[in-house]
Amino acid sequence: MNLPVSNKNQAASFLPRKRWFLPALILLALLCGAGAASAQTNTLNLNLGLNGVGQVNDVDSAIKVLGIMTLLTLAPSIILLMTCFTRIVIVLSFVRQALSLQGAPSNQIIIGLSLFLTFFIMSPVWDQIDQQALQPLRAKQITSQEAIARGSVPLRNFMLKQTRAKDLELFVSMAKLPPSAPDELPMHVVIPSFVISELRTAFQMGFLLFVPFILIDLIVATVLMSMGMMMMPPMSISLPLKILLFVLVDGWHLIVSSIVQSFGS
């Protein structure tokens, strides 16, 4: 069988390549075997945080991942009950009810505004946590346990500043703790004391918001009754007046500034 000239040239060029193809394949197999052996050797090296000289001993990485997952699970509860979010969202809900508006602003807007106001008010606390706990932890100067202890101090100070002494004494007595300074109280006592104090403050602010709008309802109802318009619902007259009053006094500006200033005292 006679091959064409081009096929003969291709076969001739393939023969020299075939000579180095098998050794290259063997060399590649040896390199893969060596890599697998070195990977197995590295896998067997168990680091418990005691191999480094001059480094801070810390917990294993698996425990850190478990702690991070736990914090992510508890993040909504932390934002709801350990920050200023509770007071803000309750006050904004009272504003909507005082205006007799059922769906404006919607729940999404109220919660979103409450979150951004929470981030604004809590930003000094976050900065202190970052400087005192997170930055030394990233630099491997402290362990994760020390970072948690340091990071809880600014948050504890914020909650204690907004907590009434009466509420704090209530949970201290129920926990049967000895007399101690507020800075030495455990978090399971500070957190519920802070929550009920926030609820009380939020309801006080909500009551003050209801007073002018209740007066508008009373005036409108009295005028309609004096005019003999019994069948006309007072809400159809008082609702536009409430909205007009709220806009004229720049209500959102006053409410947001009052909320922010209430945490600065």
Protein backbone atom coordinates (compact mmCIF):
# COMPACT_ATOMS: atom_id res chain seq x y z
CA MET A 1 0.00 0.00 0.00
CA ASN A 2 1.47 3.30 -1.13
CA LEU A 3 0.77 6.36 0.97
CA PRO A 4 0.56 9.82 -0.48
CA VAL A 5 3.50 12.09 -0.02
CA SER A 6 1.75 14.20 2.59
CA ASN A 7 0.74 11.14 4.63
CA LYS A 8 4.28 9.80 4.46
CA ASN A 9 5.61 13.07 5.80
CA GLN A 10 3.08 13.03 8.65
CA ALA A 11 3.99 9.47 9.58
CA ALA A 12 7.68 10.33 9.48
CA SER A 13 7.13 13.30 11.72
CA PHE A 14 5.03 11.21 14.13
CA LEU A 15 7.71 8.55 14.64
CA PRO A 16 10.20 10.86 16.45
CA ARG A 17 7.39 12.19 18.62
CA LYS A 18 6.46 8.66 19.58
CA ARG A 19 9.93 8.13 20.98
CA TRP A 20 9.62 10.79 23.70
CA PHE A 21 5.89 10.36 24.33
CA LEU A 22 6.30 7.25 26.53
CA PRO A 23 9.12 8.65 28.73
CA ALA A 24 7.16 11.89 29.17
CA LEU A 25 4.12 9.90 30.25
CA ILE A 26 6.20 7.96 32.79
CA LEU A 27 7.73 11.20 34.14
CA LEU A 28 4.28 12.75 34.48
CA ALA A 29 3.06 9.72 36.42
CA LEU A 30 6.03 9.94 38.77
CA LEU A 31 5.40 13.64 39.38
CA CYS A 32 1.73 12.98 40.15
CA GLY A 33 2.70 10.22 42.55
CA ALA A 34 5.18 12.46 44.30
CA GLY A 35 2.56 15.21 44.58
CA ALA A 36 0.02 12.80 46.03
CA ALA A 37 2.60 11.50 48.51
CA SER A 38 3.51 15.02 49.60
CA ALA A 39 -0.20 15.88 49.93
CA GLN A 40 -0.73 12.85 52.12
CA THR A 41 2.28 13.86 54.21
CA ASN A 42 0.88 17.38 54.65
CA THR A 43 -2.53 16.00 55.52
CA LEU A 44 -1.10 13.94 58.34
CA ASN A 45 0.41 17.06 59.92
CA LEU A 46 -2.17 17.99 62.58
CA ASN A 47 -1.78 21.54 63.83
CA LEU A 48 -3.32 22.15 67.25
CA GLY A 49 -2.03 25.70 67.56
CA LEU A 50 1.07 24.64 69.52
CA ASN A 51 3.60 24.46 66.67
CA GLY A 52 4.18 28.18 66.24
CA VAL A 53 6.77 29.79 68.42
CA GLY A 54 5.77 33.17 69.80
CA GLN A 55 2.16 32.90 68.55
CA VAL A 56 -0.96 33.06 70.67
CA ASN A 57 -2.54 29.64 71.18
CA ASP A 58 -6.08 29.54 69.85
CA VAL A 59 -8.82 27.02 69.28
CA ASP A 60 -8.99 24.74 66.27
CA SER A 61 -10.34 26.03 62.94
CA ALA A 62 -13.33 23.68 63.04
CA ILE A 63 -14.41 25.17 66.36
CA LYS A 64 -14.01 28.66 64.92
CA VAL A 65 -16.22 27.77 61.96
CA LEU A 66 -18.81 26.36 64.36
CA GLY A 67 -18.72 29.57 66.41
CA ILE A 68 -19.11 31.72 63.27
CA MET A 69 -22.11 29.68 62.14
CA THR A 70 -23.64 30.05 65.59
CA LEU A 71 -23.14 33.83 65.50
CA LEU A 72 -24.76 34.00 62.05
CA THR A 73 -27.74 32.10 63.41
CA LEU A 74 -28.04 34.46 66.37
CA ALA A 75 -27.38 37.62 64.31
CA PRO A 76 -31.08 38.56 63.92
CA SER A 77 -31.63 38.21 67.66
CA ILE A 78 -28.52 40.29 68.39
CA ILE A 79 -29.70 43.08 66.09
CA LEU A 80 -33.25 42.98 67.46
CA LEU A 81 -32.57 42.78 71.19
CA MET A 82 -29.04 44.08 71.81
CA THR A 83 -29.14 47.29 69.78
CA CYS A 84 -31.41 50.31 69.44
CA PHE A 85 -33.55 48.57 66.80
CA THR A 86 -36.36 47.70 69.23
CA ARG A 87 -37.06 51.28 70.26
CA ILE A 88 -36.85 52.63 66.72
CA VAL A 89 -39.19 50.13 65.08
CA ILE A 90 -41.80 50.46 67.86
CA VAL A 91 -41.80 54.26 67.68
CA LEU A 92 -42.15 54.24 63.89
CA SER A 93 -45.01 51.75 64.18
CA PHE A 94 -46.74 54.06 66.68
CA VAL A 95 -46.38 56.93 64.22
CA ARG A 96 -48.21 54.96 61.54
CA GLN A 97 -50.98 53.98 63.95
CA ALA A 98 -51.34 57.53 65.26
CA LEU A 99 -51.83 58.77 61.71
CA SER A 100 -54.51 56.08 61.22
CA LEU A 101 -52.63 54.76 58.21
CA GLN A 102 -52.77 51.01 57.80
CA GLY A 103 -50.31 50.41 54.98
CA ALA A 104 -48.33 53.62 54.50
CA PRO A 105 -45.47 53.47 55.12
CA SER A 106 -45.29 49.72 54.62
CA ASN A 107 -43.62 47.29 57.00
CA GLN A 108 -40.65 46.93 54.66
CA ILE A 109 -40.00 50.68 54.74
CA ILE A 110 -40.33 50.87 58.52
CA ILE A 111 -37.98 47.92 59.08
CA GLY A 112 -35.49 49.21 56.50
CA LEU A 113 -35.42 52.69 58.02
CA SER A 114 -35.07 51.16 61.48
CA LEU A 115 -32.09 49.08 60.33
CA PHE A 116 -30.26 52.04 58.80
CA LEU A 117 -30.93 54.20 61.84
CA THR A 118 -29.63 51.33 63.99
CA PHE A 119 -26.42 51.17 61.97
CA PHE A 120 -26.05 54.96 62.26
CA ILE A 121 -26.58 55.05 66.03
CA MET A 122 -24.50 51.94 66.74
CA SER A 123 -21.55 52.92 64.50
CA PRO A 124 -19.42 54.25 67.44
CA VAL A 125 -19.98 50.95 69.25
CA TRP A 126 -19.00 48.95 66.15
CA ASP A 127 -15.84 51.06 65.80
CA GLN A 128 -14.85 50.33 69.39
CA ILE A 129 -15.46 46.60 68.90
CA ASP A 130 -13.33 46.65 65.75
CA GLN A 131 -10.45 48.50 67.41
CA GLN A 132 -10.45 46.60 70.70
CA ALA A 133 -11.30 43.06 69.54
CA LEU A 134 -11.35 42.44 65.79
CA GLN A 135 -8.11 44.14 64.77
CA PRO A 136 -5.99 42.41 67.48
CA LEU A 137 -7.67 39.11 66.57
CA ARG A 138 -6.82 39.52 62.88
CA ALA A 139 -3.24 40.38 63.87
CA LYS A 140 -3.16 37.18 65.98
CA GLN A 141 -2.31 39.15 69.10
CA ILE A 142 -5.22 37.73 71.13
CA THR A 143 -7.30 34.58 71.07
CA SER A 144 -10.93 34.34 70.02
CA GLN A 145 -12.05 34.04 73.64
CA GLU A 146 -10.26 37.27 74.52
CA ALA A 147 -11.75 38.93 71.43
CA ILE A 148 -15.27 37.99 72.55
CA ALA A 149 -14.58 39.31 76.05
CA ARG A 150 -13.19 42.59 74.71
CA GLY A 151 -15.91 43.00 72.08
CA SER A 152 -18.69 42.59 74.62
CA VAL A 153 -17.47 45.53 76.71
CA PRO A 154 -18.61 48.39 74.36
CA LEU A 155 -21.91 46.63 73.72
CA ARG A 156 -22.45 46.10 77.45
CA ASN A 157 -21.69 49.77 78.16
CA PHE A 158 -24.21 50.86 75.53
CA MET A 159 -26.95 48.64 76.97
CA LEU A 160 -26.21 49.67 80.55
CA LYS A 161 -26.42 53.33 79.56
CA GLN A 162 -29.97 52.82 78.26
CA THR A 163 -31.12 50.47 81.04
CA ARG A 164 -33.03 51.64 84.10
CA ALA A 165 -31.59 50.71 87.47
CA LYS A 166 -34.97 49.33 88.54
CA ASP A 167 -35.05 46.85 85.66
CA LEU A 168 -31.46 45.86 86.29
CA GLU A 169 -32.15 45.23 89.97
CA LEU A 170 -35.13 43.06 89.05
CA PHE A 171 -33.09 40.56 87.05
CA VAL A 172 -30.18 40.67 89.49
CA SER A 173 -32.54 39.69 92.30
CA MET A 174 -34.18 36.95 90.21
CA ALA A 175 -30.75 35.57 89.25
CA LYS A 176 -29.77 35.67 92.96
CA LEU A 177 -26.47 37.37 92.23
CA PRO A 178 -24.42 39.07 94.95
CA PRO A 179 -24.16 42.86 94.91
CA SER A 180 -21.69 43.87 92.21
CA ALA A 181 -20.86 46.76 89.92
CA PRO A 182 -22.89 47.09 86.71
CA ASP A 183 -19.78 46.47 84.58
CA GLU A 184 -19.32 43.09 86.25
CA LEU A 185 -22.84 41.81 85.60
CA PRO A 186 -23.20 38.89 83.15
CA MET A 187 -24.79 39.40 79.77
CA HIS A 188 -27.76 37.13 80.54
CA VAL A 189 -28.78 39.72 83.15
CA VAL A 190 -27.97 42.86 81.17
CA ILE A 191 -29.78 41.85 77.96
CA PRO A 192 -33.33 41.28 79.36
CA SER A 193 -32.99 44.38 81.54
CA PHE A 194 -32.07 46.39 78.46
CA VAL A 195 -34.97 44.96 76.44
CA ILE A 196 -37.71 45.81 78.94
CA SER A 197 -36.21 49.27 79.45
CA GLU A 198 -36.30 49.83 75.69
CA LEU A 199 -39.92 48.68 75.54
CA ARG A 200 -40.90 51.11 78.28
CA THR A 201 -39.10 54.03 76.62
CA ALA A 202 -40.61 53.21 73.23
CA PHE A 203 -44.13 53.12 74.65
CA GLN A 204 -43.58 56.45 76.40
CA MET A 205 -42.51 58.04 73.12
CA GLY A 206 -45.46 56.42 71.34
CA PHE A 207 -47.92 57.88 73.88
CA LEU A 208 -46.52 61.37 73.31
CA LEU A 209 -46.95 60.86 69.57
CA PHE A 210 -50.62 59.91 69.98
CA VAL A 211 -51.60 62.99 71.99
CA PRO A 212 -51.83 65.63 69.19
CA PHE A 213 -53.57 63.25 66.79
CA ILE A 214 -56.13 62.25 69.44
CA LEU A 215 -56.91 65.94 69.93
CA ILE A 216 -57.58 66.26 66.20
CA ASP A 217 -59.97 63.28 66.35
CA LEU A 218 -61.84 64.80 69.32
CA ILE A 219 -62.17 68.21 67.68
CA VAL A 220 -63.41 66.74 64.41
CA ALA A 221 -65.90 64.45 66.17
CA THR A 222 -67.21 67.32 68.29
CA VAL A 223 -67.67 69.62 65.29
CA LEU A 224 -69.48 66.96 63.28
CA MET A 225 -71.83 66.18 66.17
CA SER A 226 -72.58 69.88 66.73
CA MET A 227 -73.43 70.23 63.02
CA GLY A 228 -75.72 67.22 63.17
CA MET A 229 -73.66 65.19 60.73
CA MET A 230 -74.02 61.92 62.62
CA MET A 231 -73.75 59.65 59.59
CA MET A 232 -70.47 61.06 58.34
CA PRO A 233 -67.44 59.12 59.70
CA PRO A 234 -65.03 61.43 61.54
CA MET A 235 -62.07 59.54 60.05
CA SER A 236 -62.77 60.93 56.58
CA ILE A 237 -62.20 64.45 57.93
CA SER A 238 -59.54 63.85 60.58
CA LEU A 239 -57.21 61.75 58.40
CA PRO A 240 -56.38 64.55 55.91
CA LEU A 241 -55.97 66.97 58.81
CA LYS A 242 -53.54 64.59 60.55
CA ILE A 243 -51.47 64.18 57.41
CA LEU A 244 -51.49 67.94 56.81
CA LEU A 245 -50.36 68.63 60.39
CA PHE A 246 -47.65 65.98 60.17
CA VAL A 247 -46.29 67.45 56.94
CA LEU A 248 -46.44 71.07 58.14
CA VAL A 249 -44.44 70.37 61.30
CA ASP A 250 -41.94 68.22 59.33
CA GLY A 251 -42.87 65.18 61.36
CA TRP A 252 -40.32 62.69 60.04
CA HIS A 253 -37.47 65.07 60.76
CA LEU A 254 -38.69 65.65 64.31
CA ILE A 255 -39.27 61.98 65.01
CA VAL A 256 -35.92 60.76 63.64
CA SER A 257 -34.01 63.52 65.45
CA SER A 258 -35.85 62.73 68.69
CA ILE A 259 -35.03 59.03 68.37
CA VAL A 260 -31.34 59.66 67.72
CA GLN A 261 -31.06 62.21 70.52
CA SER A 262 -32.79 59.85 72.97
CA PHE A 263 -29.79 57.50 72.73
CA GLY A 264 -27.28 60.29 73.25
CA SER A 265 -28.57 61.25 76.68
